All heavy atoms as atom14 arrays in JSON, in Angstrom:
{
  "sequence": "VLLDQSMPGMDGVAVFTELRKIRSDIPVLLASGFSKEVILERFKGL",
  "atom14_mask": [
    [1, 1, 1, 1, 1, 1, 1, 0, 0, 0, 0, 0, 0, 0],
    [1, 1, 1, 1, 1, 1, 1, 1, 0, 0, 0, 0, 0, 0],
    [1, 1, 1, 1, 1, 1, 1, 1, 0, 0, 0, 0, 0, 0],
    [1, 1, 1, 1, 1, 1, 1, 1, 0, 0, 0, 0, 0, 0],
    [1, 1, 1, 1, 1, 1, 1, 1, 1, 0, 0, 0, 0, 0],
    [1, 1, 1, 1, 1, 1, 0, 0, 0, 0, 0, 0, 0, 0],
    [1, 1, 1, 1, 1, 1, 1, 1, 0, 0, 0, 0, 0, 0],
    [1, 1, 1, 1, 1, 1, 1, 0, 0, 0, 0, 0, 0, 0],
    [1, 1, 1, 1, 0, 0, 0, 0, 0, 0, 0, 0, 0, 0],
    [1, 1, 1, 1, 1, 1, 1, 1, 0, 0, 0, 0, 0, 0],
    [1, 1, 1, 1, 1, 1, 1, 1, 0, 0, 0, 0, 0, 0],
    [1, 1, 1, 1, 0, 0, 0, 0, 0, 0, 0, 0, 0, 0],
    [1, 1, 1, 1, 1, 1, 1, 0, 0, 0, 0, 0, 0, 0],
    [1, 1, 1, 1, 1, 0, 0, 0, 0, 0, 0, 0, 0, 0],
    [1, 1, 1, 1, 1, 1, 1, 0, 0, 0, 0, 0, 0, 0],
    [1, 1, 1, 1, 1, 1, 1, 1, 1, 1, 1, 0, 0, 0],
    [1, 1, 1, 1, 1, 1, 1, 0, 0, 0, 0, 0, 0, 0],
    [1, 1, 1, 1, 1, 1, 1, 1, 1, 0, 0, 0, 0, 0],
    [1, 1, 1, 1, 1, 1, 1, 1, 0, 0, 0, 0, 0, 0],
    [1, 1, 1, 1, 1, 1, 1, 1, 1, 1, 1, 0, 0, 0],
    [1, 1, 1, 1, 1, 1, 1, 1, 1, 0, 0, 0, 0, 0],
    [1, 1, 1, 1, 1, 1, 1, 1, 0, 0, 0, 0, 0, 0],
    [1, 1, 1, 1, 1, 1, 1, 1, 1, 1, 1, 0, 0, 0],
    [1, 1, 1, 1, 1, 1, 0, 0, 0, 0, 0, 0, 0, 0],
    [1, 1, 1, 1, 1, 1, 1, 1, 0, 0, 0, 0, 0, 0],
    [1, 1, 1, 1, 1, 1, 1, 1, 0, 0, 0, 0, 0, 0],
    [1, 1, 1, 1, 1, 1, 1, 0, 0, 0, 0, 0, 0, 0],
    [1, 1, 1, 1, 1, 1, 1, 0, 0, 0, 0, 0, 0, 0],
    [1, 1, 1, 1, 1, 1, 1, 1, 0, 0, 0, 0, 0, 0],
    [1, 1, 1, 1, 1, 1, 1, 1, 0, 0, 0, 0, 0, 0],
    [1, 1, 1, 1, 1, 0, 0, 0, 0, 0, 0, 0, 0, 0],
    [1, 1, 1, 1, 1, 1, 0, 0, 0, 0, 0, 0, 0, 0],
    [1, 1, 1, 1, 0, 0, 0, 0, 0, 0, 0, 0, 0, 0],
    [1, 1, 1, 1, 1, 1, 1, 1, 1, 1, 1, 0, 0, 0],
    [1, 1, 1, 1, 1, 1, 0, 0, 0, 0, 0, 0, 0, 0],
    [1, 1, 1, 1, 1, 1, 1, 1, 1, 0, 0, 0, 0, 0],
    [1, 1, 1, 1, 1, 1, 1, 1, 1, 0, 0, 0, 0, 0],
    [1, 1, 1, 1, 1, 1, 1, 0, 0, 0, 0, 0, 0, 0],
    [1, 1, 1, 1, 1, 1, 1, 1, 0, 0, 0, 0, 0, 0],
    [1, 1, 1, 1, 1, 1, 1, 1, 0, 0, 0, 0, 0, 0],
    [1, 1, 1, 1, 1, 1, 1, 1, 1, 0, 0, 0, 0, 0],
    [1, 1, 1, 1, 1, 1, 1, 1, 1, 1, 1, 0, 0, 0],
    [1, 1, 1, 1, 1, 1, 1, 1, 1, 1, 1, 0, 0, 0],
    [1, 1, 1, 1, 1, 1, 1, 1, 1, 0, 0, 0, 0, 0],
    [1, 1, 1, 1, 0, 0, 0, 0, 0, 0, 0, 0, 0, 0],
    [1, 1, 1, 1, 1, 1, 1, 1, 0, 0, 0, 0, 0, 0]
  ],
  "atom14_positions": [
    [[87.95, 59.99, 37.63], [86.59, 59.38, 37.51], [86.64, 58.09, 38.34], [87.57, 57.29, 38.19], [86.23, 59.03, 36.0], [84.93, 58.33, 36.01], [86.19, 60.38, 35.2], [0.0, 0.0, 0.0], [0.0, 0.0, 0.0], [0.0, 0.0, 0.0], [0.0, 0.0, 0.0], [0.0, 0.0, 0.0], [0.0, 0.0, 0.0], [0.0, 0.0, 0.0]],
    [[85.6, 57.95, 39.2], [85.38, 56.72, 39.97], [84.23, 56.05, 39.27], [83.12, 56.48, 39.24], [85.04, 56.96, 41.39], [86.18, 57.44, 42.28], [85.65, 57.8, 43.7], [87.24, 56.41, 42.44], [0.0, 0.0, 0.0], [0.0, 0.0, 0.0], [0.0, 0.0, 0.0], [0.0, 0.0, 0.0], [0.0, 0.0, 0.0], [0.0, 0.0, 0.0]],
    [[84.51, 54.87, 38.67], [83.61, 54.24, 37.72], [83.18, 52.84, 38.22], [84.02, 52.02, 38.49], [84.18, 54.13, 36.38], [83.37, 53.46, 35.22], [82.04, 54.23, 34.91], [84.23, 53.35, 33.93], [0.0, 0.0, 0.0], [0.0, 0.0, 0.0], [0.0, 0.0, 0.0], [0.0, 0.0, 0.0], [0.0, 0.0, 0.0], [0.0, 0.0, 0.0]],
    [[81.85, 52.6, 38.27], [81.33, 51.3, 38.62], [81.34, 50.43, 37.29], [81.19, 51.0, 36.2], [79.94, 51.38, 39.13], [79.4, 50.0, 39.61], [80.2, 49.16, 40.05], [78.18, 49.82, 39.56], [0.0, 0.0, 0.0], [0.0, 0.0, 0.0], [0.0, 0.0, 0.0], [0.0, 0.0, 0.0], [0.0, 0.0, 0.0], [0.0, 0.0, 0.0]],
    [[81.52, 49.14, 37.41], [81.53, 48.28, 36.23], [80.09, 47.83, 35.81], [79.73, 47.92, 34.61], [82.45, 47.06, 36.52], [82.12, 45.82, 35.62], [82.26, 46.07, 34.15], [82.9, 47.02, 33.73], [81.54, 45.34, 33.27], [0.0, 0.0, 0.0], [0.0, 0.0, 0.0], [0.0, 0.0, 0.0], [0.0, 0.0, 0.0], [0.0, 0.0, 0.0]],
    [[79.32, 47.36, 36.75], [78.06, 46.73, 36.42], [76.96, 47.78, 36.59], [76.53, 48.12, 37.7], [77.79, 45.53, 37.3], [78.77, 44.49, 37.07], [0.0, 0.0, 0.0], [0.0, 0.0, 0.0], [0.0, 0.0, 0.0], [0.0, 0.0, 0.0], [0.0, 0.0, 0.0], [0.0, 0.0, 0.0], [0.0, 0.0, 0.0], [0.0, 0.0, 0.0]],
    [[76.37, 48.2, 35.5], [75.28, 49.16, 35.47], [74.33, 48.91, 34.34], [74.71, 48.36, 33.31], [75.84, 50.61, 35.31], [76.72, 51.14, 36.39], [77.23, 52.83, 36.14], [78.37, 52.6, 34.69], [0.0, 0.0, 0.0], [0.0, 0.0, 0.0], [0.0, 0.0, 0.0], [0.0, 0.0, 0.0], [0.0, 0.0, 0.0], [0.0, 0.0, 0.0]],
    [[73.04, 49.18, 34.56], [72.1, 48.98, 33.37], [72.4, 50.04, 32.29], [73.02, 51.02, 32.56], [70.71, 49.3, 34.09], [70.99, 50.13, 35.29], [72.33, 49.7, 35.74], [0.0, 0.0, 0.0], [0.0, 0.0, 0.0], [0.0, 0.0, 0.0], [0.0, 0.0, 0.0], [0.0, 0.0, 0.0], [0.0, 0.0, 0.0], [0.0, 0.0, 0.0]],
    [[72.01, 49.67, 31.13], [72.33, 50.52, 29.99], [73.79, 50.47, 29.61], [74.29, 49.36, 29.33], [0.0, 0.0, 0.0], [0.0, 0.0, 0.0], [0.0, 0.0, 0.0], [0.0, 0.0, 0.0], [0.0, 0.0, 0.0], [0.0, 0.0, 0.0], [0.0, 0.0, 0.0], [0.0, 0.0, 0.0], [0.0, 0.0, 0.0], [0.0, 0.0, 0.0]],
    [[74.51, 51.54, 29.66], [75.96, 51.58, 29.36], [76.66, 50.98, 30.61], [76.51, 51.54, 31.7], [76.48, 52.97, 29.13], [75.91, 53.66, 27.84], [76.56, 55.33, 27.61], [78.23, 54.98, 27.21], [0.0, 0.0, 0.0], [0.0, 0.0, 0.0], [0.0, 0.0, 0.0], [0.0, 0.0, 0.0], [0.0, 0.0, 0.0], [0.0, 0.0, 0.0]],
    [[77.45, 49.94, 30.34], [78.26, 49.33, 31.46], [79.56, 50.15, 31.58], [79.85, 51.08, 30.88], [78.44, 47.85, 31.26], [79.31, 47.58, 30.02], [79.75, 48.45, 29.37], [79.48, 46.32, 29.74], [0.0, 0.0, 0.0], [0.0, 0.0, 0.0], [0.0, 0.0, 0.0], [0.0, 0.0, 0.0], [0.0, 0.0, 0.0], [0.0, 0.0, 0.0]],
    [[80.39, 49.6, 32.48], [81.68, 50.32, 32.73], [82.55, 50.43, 31.51], [83.19, 51.5, 31.31], [0.0, 0.0, 0.0], [0.0, 0.0, 0.0], [0.0, 0.0, 0.0], [0.0, 0.0, 0.0], [0.0, 0.0, 0.0], [0.0, 0.0, 0.0], [0.0, 0.0, 0.0], [0.0, 0.0, 0.0], [0.0, 0.0, 0.0], [0.0, 0.0, 0.0]],
    [[82.62, 49.35, 30.75], [83.5, 49.37, 29.55], [83.06, 50.4, 28.57], [83.85, 51.21, 28.03], [83.54, 48.04, 28.88], [84.28, 48.04, 27.6], [84.11, 46.95, 29.8], [0.0, 0.0, 0.0], [0.0, 0.0, 0.0], [0.0, 0.0, 0.0], [0.0, 0.0, 0.0], [0.0, 0.0, 0.0], [0.0, 0.0, 0.0], [0.0, 0.0, 0.0]],
    [[81.71, 50.58, 28.3], [81.18, 51.5, 27.38], [81.4, 52.86, 27.82], [81.79, 53.78, 27.01], [79.66, 51.16, 27.18], [0.0, 0.0, 0.0], [0.0, 0.0, 0.0], [0.0, 0.0, 0.0], [0.0, 0.0, 0.0], [0.0, 0.0, 0.0], [0.0, 0.0, 0.0], [0.0, 0.0, 0.0], [0.0, 0.0, 0.0], [0.0, 0.0, 0.0]],
    [[81.16, 53.11, 29.18], [81.35, 54.45, 29.67], [82.79, 54.9, 29.57], [83.18, 55.99, 29.18], [80.91, 54.57, 31.14], [81.21, 55.9, 31.77], [79.37, 54.3, 31.21], [0.0, 0.0, 0.0], [0.0, 0.0, 0.0], [0.0, 0.0, 0.0], [0.0, 0.0, 0.0], [0.0, 0.0, 0.0], [0.0, 0.0, 0.0], [0.0, 0.0, 0.0]],
    [[83.73, 53.96, 30.0], [85.16, 54.23, 29.88], [85.58, 54.63, 28.51], [86.32, 55.59, 28.31], [85.96, 53.0, 30.32], [87.43, 53.09, 30.24], [88.17, 53.58, 31.31], [88.09, 52.72, 29.13], [89.51, 53.68, 31.29], [89.47, 52.87, 28.97], [90.21, 53.37, 30.09], [0.0, 0.0, 0.0], [0.0, 0.0, 0.0], [0.0, 0.0, 0.0]],
    [[85.05, 53.92, 27.51], [85.46, 54.17, 26.06], [85.03, 55.52, 25.7], [85.79, 56.21, 25.03], [84.83, 53.06, 25.17], [85.31, 51.81, 25.58], [85.25, 53.3, 23.75], [0.0, 0.0, 0.0], [0.0, 0.0, 0.0], [0.0, 0.0, 0.0], [0.0, 0.0, 0.0], [0.0, 0.0, 0.0], [0.0, 0.0, 0.0], [0.0, 0.0, 0.0]],
    [[83.78, 55.91, 26.06], [83.27, 57.24, 25.67], [83.98, 58.35, 26.35], [84.31, 59.39, 25.72], [81.84, 57.27, 25.94], [80.86, 56.44, 25.05], [81.09, 56.74, 23.59], [81.08, 57.91, 23.23], [81.25, 55.82, 22.76], [0.0, 0.0, 0.0], [0.0, 0.0, 0.0], [0.0, 0.0, 0.0], [0.0, 0.0, 0.0], [0.0, 0.0, 0.0]],
    [[84.35, 58.17, 27.65], [85.02, 59.22, 28.37], [86.43, 59.46, 27.79], [86.89, 60.59, 27.66], [85.14, 58.91, 29.88], [83.87, 58.77, 30.71], [84.15, 58.51, 32.18], [83.03, 60.0, 30.57], [0.0, 0.0, 0.0], [0.0, 0.0, 0.0], [0.0, 0.0, 0.0], [0.0, 0.0, 0.0], [0.0, 0.0, 0.0], [0.0, 0.0, 0.0]],
    [[87.11, 58.3, 27.4], [88.47, 58.51, 26.86], [88.43, 59.1, 25.44], [89.38, 59.7, 24.94], [89.09, 57.18, 26.83], [89.71, 56.77, 28.18], [90.89, 57.63, 28.53], [91.46, 57.36, 29.92], [92.36, 56.4, 30.12], [92.67, 55.54, 29.21], [92.71, 56.23, 31.37], [0.0, 0.0, 0.0], [0.0, 0.0, 0.0], [0.0, 0.0, 0.0]],
    [[87.3, 58.92, 24.68], [87.13, 59.6, 23.44], [87.02, 61.14, 23.61], [87.55, 61.83, 22.73], [85.82, 59.08, 22.74], [85.98, 57.68, 22.11], [84.68, 57.31, 21.45], [84.7, 55.9, 20.81], [83.39, 55.58, 20.27], [0.0, 0.0, 0.0], [0.0, 0.0, 0.0], [0.0, 0.0, 0.0], [0.0, 0.0, 0.0], [0.0, 0.0, 0.0]],
    [[86.4, 61.52, 24.72], [86.21, 62.96, 25.0], [87.5, 63.55, 25.45], [87.91, 64.67, 25.07], [85.08, 63.14, 26.04], [83.8, 62.6, 25.49], [84.99, 64.68, 26.4], [82.65, 62.48, 26.49], [0.0, 0.0, 0.0], [0.0, 0.0, 0.0], [0.0, 0.0, 0.0], [0.0, 0.0, 0.0], [0.0, 0.0, 0.0], [0.0, 0.0, 0.0]],
    [[88.21, 62.81, 26.41], [89.48, 63.31, 26.95], [90.35, 62.07, 27.18], [90.13, 61.37, 28.14], [89.22, 64.09, 28.22], [90.38, 64.81, 28.79], [90.06, 65.57, 30.04], [91.18, 65.39, 30.96], [91.04, 65.73, 32.3], [89.89, 66.16, 32.81], [92.07, 65.56, 33.06], [0.0, 0.0, 0.0], [0.0, 0.0, 0.0], [0.0, 0.0, 0.0]],
    [[91.37, 61.91, 26.4], [92.19, 60.69, 26.47], [93.07, 60.57, 27.71], [93.56, 59.48, 28.02], [93.06, 60.6, 25.23], [94.01, 61.71, 25.24], [0.0, 0.0, 0.0], [0.0, 0.0, 0.0], [0.0, 0.0, 0.0], [0.0, 0.0, 0.0], [0.0, 0.0, 0.0], [0.0, 0.0, 0.0], [0.0, 0.0, 0.0], [0.0, 0.0, 0.0]],
    [[93.28, 61.67, 28.4], [94.17, 61.66, 29.61], [93.5, 61.58, 30.93], [94.16, 61.67, 32.05], [95.12, 62.8, 29.5], [94.39, 64.14, 29.84], [93.25, 64.23, 29.44], [94.95, 65.08, 30.35], [0.0, 0.0, 0.0], [0.0, 0.0, 0.0], [0.0, 0.0, 0.0], [0.0, 0.0, 0.0], [0.0, 0.0, 0.0], [0.0, 0.0, 0.0]],
    [[92.14, 61.42, 30.94], [91.48, 61.41, 32.23], [91.73, 60.12, 33.01], [91.57, 59.08, 32.48], [89.93, 61.65, 32.04], [89.21, 61.64, 33.37], [89.38, 60.49, 31.22], [89.52, 62.86, 34.22], [0.0, 0.0, 0.0], [0.0, 0.0, 0.0], [0.0, 0.0, 0.0], [0.0, 0.0, 0.0], [0.0, 0.0, 0.0], [0.0, 0.0, 0.0]],
    [[92.27, 60.25, 34.27], [92.48, 59.02, 34.99], [91.12, 58.43, 35.44], [90.2, 59.08, 35.87], [93.26, 59.57, 36.33], [93.7, 60.93, 35.87], [92.71, 61.43, 34.95], [0.0, 0.0, 0.0], [0.0, 0.0, 0.0], [0.0, 0.0, 0.0], [0.0, 0.0, 0.0], [0.0, 0.0, 0.0], [0.0, 0.0, 0.0], [0.0, 0.0, 0.0]],
    [[91.05, 57.1, 35.22], [89.75, 56.38, 35.6], [90.17, 55.26, 36.54], [90.96, 54.41, 36.28], [89.12, 55.79, 34.33], [87.83, 55.05, 34.73], [88.77, 56.88, 33.34], [0.0, 0.0, 0.0], [0.0, 0.0, 0.0], [0.0, 0.0, 0.0], [0.0, 0.0, 0.0], [0.0, 0.0, 0.0], [0.0, 0.0, 0.0], [0.0, 0.0, 0.0]],
    [[89.48, 55.26, 37.71], [89.63, 54.3, 38.78], [88.31, 53.45, 38.78], [87.29, 53.97, 39.06], [89.87, 54.89, 40.1], [90.05, 53.98, 41.33], [91.14, 52.99, 41.15], [90.25, 54.82, 42.55], [0.0, 0.0, 0.0], [0.0, 0.0, 0.0], [0.0, 0.0, 0.0], [0.0, 0.0, 0.0], [0.0, 0.0, 0.0], [0.0, 0.0, 0.0]],
    [[88.47, 52.09, 38.51], [87.27, 51.24, 38.44], [87.03, 50.67, 39.8], [87.95, 50.15, 40.42], [87.51, 50.18, 37.4], [86.17, 49.47, 37.04], [85.35, 50.29, 36.03], [86.47, 48.07, 36.49], [0.0, 0.0, 0.0], [0.0, 0.0, 0.0], [0.0, 0.0, 0.0], [0.0, 0.0, 0.0], [0.0, 0.0, 0.0], [0.0, 0.0, 0.0]],
    [[85.75, 50.59, 40.19], [85.29, 49.82, 41.43], [84.36, 48.76, 41.02], [83.44, 49.0, 40.24], [84.69, 50.82, 42.4], [0.0, 0.0, 0.0], [0.0, 0.0, 0.0], [0.0, 0.0, 0.0], [0.0, 0.0, 0.0], [0.0, 0.0, 0.0], [0.0, 0.0, 0.0], [0.0, 0.0, 0.0], [0.0, 0.0, 0.0], [0.0, 0.0, 0.0]],
    [[84.6, 47.6, 41.59], [83.72, 46.35, 41.26], [83.84, 45.35, 42.31], [84.81, 45.27, 43.07], [84.17, 45.82, 39.89], [83.45, 44.68, 39.65], [0.0, 0.0, 0.0], [0.0, 0.0, 0.0], [0.0, 0.0, 0.0], [0.0, 0.0, 0.0], [0.0, 0.0, 0.0], [0.0, 0.0, 0.0], [0.0, 0.0, 0.0], [0.0, 0.0, 0.0]],
    [[82.77, 44.59, 42.46], [82.73, 43.43, 43.29], [83.37, 42.19, 42.66], [83.81, 41.26, 43.41], [0.0, 0.0, 0.0], [0.0, 0.0, 0.0], [0.0, 0.0, 0.0], [0.0, 0.0, 0.0], [0.0, 0.0, 0.0], [0.0, 0.0, 0.0], [0.0, 0.0, 0.0], [0.0, 0.0, 0.0], [0.0, 0.0, 0.0], [0.0, 0.0, 0.0]],
    [[83.65, 42.26, 41.36], [84.34, 41.14, 40.69], [85.79, 41.27, 41.0], [86.37, 42.26, 41.4], [84.1, 41.17, 39.16], [82.71, 40.87, 38.79], [81.94, 41.77, 38.09], [82.22, 39.63, 39.11], [80.64, 41.48, 37.68], [80.89, 39.31, 38.76], [80.14, 40.14, 38.03], [0.0, 0.0, 0.0], [0.0, 0.0, 0.0], [0.0, 0.0, 0.0]],
    [[86.53, 40.18, 40.78], [88.0, 40.13, 41.01], [88.73, 40.99, 40.01], [88.28, 41.32, 38.94], [88.47, 38.66, 41.01], [88.51, 38.21, 39.66], [0.0, 0.0, 0.0], [0.0, 0.0, 0.0], [0.0, 0.0, 0.0], [0.0, 0.0, 0.0], [0.0, 0.0, 0.0], [0.0, 0.0, 0.0], [0.0, 0.0, 0.0], [0.0, 0.0, 0.0]],
    [[89.98, 41.31, 40.44], [90.87, 42.12, 39.54], [91.12, 41.43, 38.22], [91.09, 42.02, 37.15], [92.14, 42.43, 40.24], [93.12, 43.34, 39.5], [94.33, 43.7, 40.29], [95.25, 44.67, 39.53], [96.41, 45.09, 40.4], [0.0, 0.0, 0.0], [0.0, 0.0, 0.0], [0.0, 0.0, 0.0], [0.0, 0.0, 0.0], [0.0, 0.0, 0.0]],
    [[91.3, 40.12, 38.29], [91.57, 39.41, 37.08], [90.47, 39.38, 36.09], [90.65, 39.51, 34.9], [91.95, 37.87, 37.47], [93.34, 37.71, 38.03], [93.46, 38.27, 39.43], [92.41, 38.27, 40.16], [94.56, 38.59, 39.77], [0.0, 0.0, 0.0], [0.0, 0.0, 0.0], [0.0, 0.0, 0.0], [0.0, 0.0, 0.0], [0.0, 0.0, 0.0]],
    [[89.22, 39.28, 36.59], [88.01, 39.35, 35.73], [87.91, 40.75, 35.09], [87.65, 40.84, 33.89], [86.77, 39.04, 36.59], [85.51, 39.27, 35.7], [86.78, 37.55, 37.01], [0.0, 0.0, 0.0], [0.0, 0.0, 0.0], [0.0, 0.0, 0.0], [0.0, 0.0, 0.0], [0.0, 0.0, 0.0], [0.0, 0.0, 0.0], [0.0, 0.0, 0.0]],
    [[88.16, 41.78, 35.9], [88.01, 43.16, 35.4], [89.09, 43.43, 34.36], [88.81, 44.03, 33.27], [88.16, 44.16, 36.58], [86.82, 44.02, 37.47], [88.25, 45.57, 36.04], [85.51, 44.28, 36.69], [0.0, 0.0, 0.0], [0.0, 0.0, 0.0], [0.0, 0.0, 0.0], [0.0, 0.0, 0.0], [0.0, 0.0, 0.0], [0.0, 0.0, 0.0]],
    [[90.35, 42.97, 34.59], [91.41, 43.32, 33.66], [91.15, 42.62, 32.37], [91.59, 43.06, 31.32], [92.75, 42.93, 34.22], [93.18, 43.77, 35.45], [94.62, 43.39, 35.86], [93.15, 45.27, 35.15], [0.0, 0.0, 0.0], [0.0, 0.0, 0.0], [0.0, 0.0, 0.0], [0.0, 0.0, 0.0], [0.0, 0.0, 0.0], [0.0, 0.0, 0.0]],
    [[90.54, 41.45, 32.38], [90.26, 40.72, 31.14], [89.17, 41.46, 30.37], [89.23, 41.6, 29.25], [89.71, 39.25, 31.51], [89.26, 38.49, 30.33], [90.38, 38.16, 29.36], [91.59, 38.26, 29.78], [90.1, 37.91, 28.2], [0.0, 0.0, 0.0], [0.0, 0.0, 0.0], [0.0, 0.0, 0.0], [0.0, 0.0, 0.0], [0.0, 0.0, 0.0]],
    [[88.18, 42.06, 31.07], [87.15, 42.83, 30.38], [87.65, 44.13, 29.82], [87.14, 44.6, 28.84], [85.95, 43.07, 31.33], [85.12, 41.84, 31.78], [84.03, 42.2, 32.62], [83.3, 40.97, 33.05], [82.18, 41.0, 33.75], [81.69, 42.12, 34.25], [81.6, 39.9, 34.04], [0.0, 0.0, 0.0], [0.0, 0.0, 0.0], [0.0, 0.0, 0.0]],
    [[88.62, 44.79, 30.53], [89.11, 45.97, 30.12], [90.56, 45.88, 29.39], [91.24, 46.81, 29.24], [89.32, 46.9, 31.25], [88.07, 47.6, 31.74], [87.09, 46.82, 32.49], [87.79, 48.91, 31.46], [85.95, 47.46, 32.89], [86.58, 49.49, 31.8], [85.69, 48.78, 32.55], [0.0, 0.0, 0.0], [0.0, 0.0, 0.0], [0.0, 0.0, 0.0]],
    [[90.81, 44.65, 28.93], [92.12, 44.38, 28.35], [92.35, 45.35, 27.17], [91.59, 45.52, 26.24], [92.15, 42.92, 27.88], [93.51, 42.36, 27.53], [93.52, 40.87, 27.34], [94.88, 40.28, 27.19], [94.86, 38.8, 27.0], [0.0, 0.0, 0.0], [0.0, 0.0, 0.0], [0.0, 0.0, 0.0], [0.0, 0.0, 0.0], [0.0, 0.0, 0.0]],
    [[93.56, 45.98, 27.29], [93.9, 46.85, 26.16], [93.37, 48.31, 26.33], [93.72, 49.17, 25.47], [0.0, 0.0, 0.0], [0.0, 0.0, 0.0], [0.0, 0.0, 0.0], [0.0, 0.0, 0.0], [0.0, 0.0, 0.0], [0.0, 0.0, 0.0], [0.0, 0.0, 0.0], [0.0, 0.0, 0.0], [0.0, 0.0, 0.0], [0.0, 0.0, 0.0]],
    [[92.6, 48.59, 27.35], [91.9, 49.86, 27.5], [92.6, 50.84, 28.51], [92.13, 51.88, 28.73], [90.44, 49.64, 27.89], [89.53, 48.96, 26.95], [88.08, 48.88, 27.37], [89.56, 49.65, 25.55], [0.0, 0.0, 0.0], [0.0, 0.0, 0.0], [0.0, 0.0, 0.0], [0.0, 0.0, 0.0], [0.0, 0.0, 0.0], [0.0, 0.0, 0.0]]
  ]
}
């Protein structure tokens, strides 16, 4: 899955959480204009 972070409605974190509930082993690659440090903080523990 190639996933954007900033979207209206469900954002990247919400989508990621739901996809992993459906299938826990799906590889997810996040794409964002924000820095890696900002993204890893938002997805901390995920």
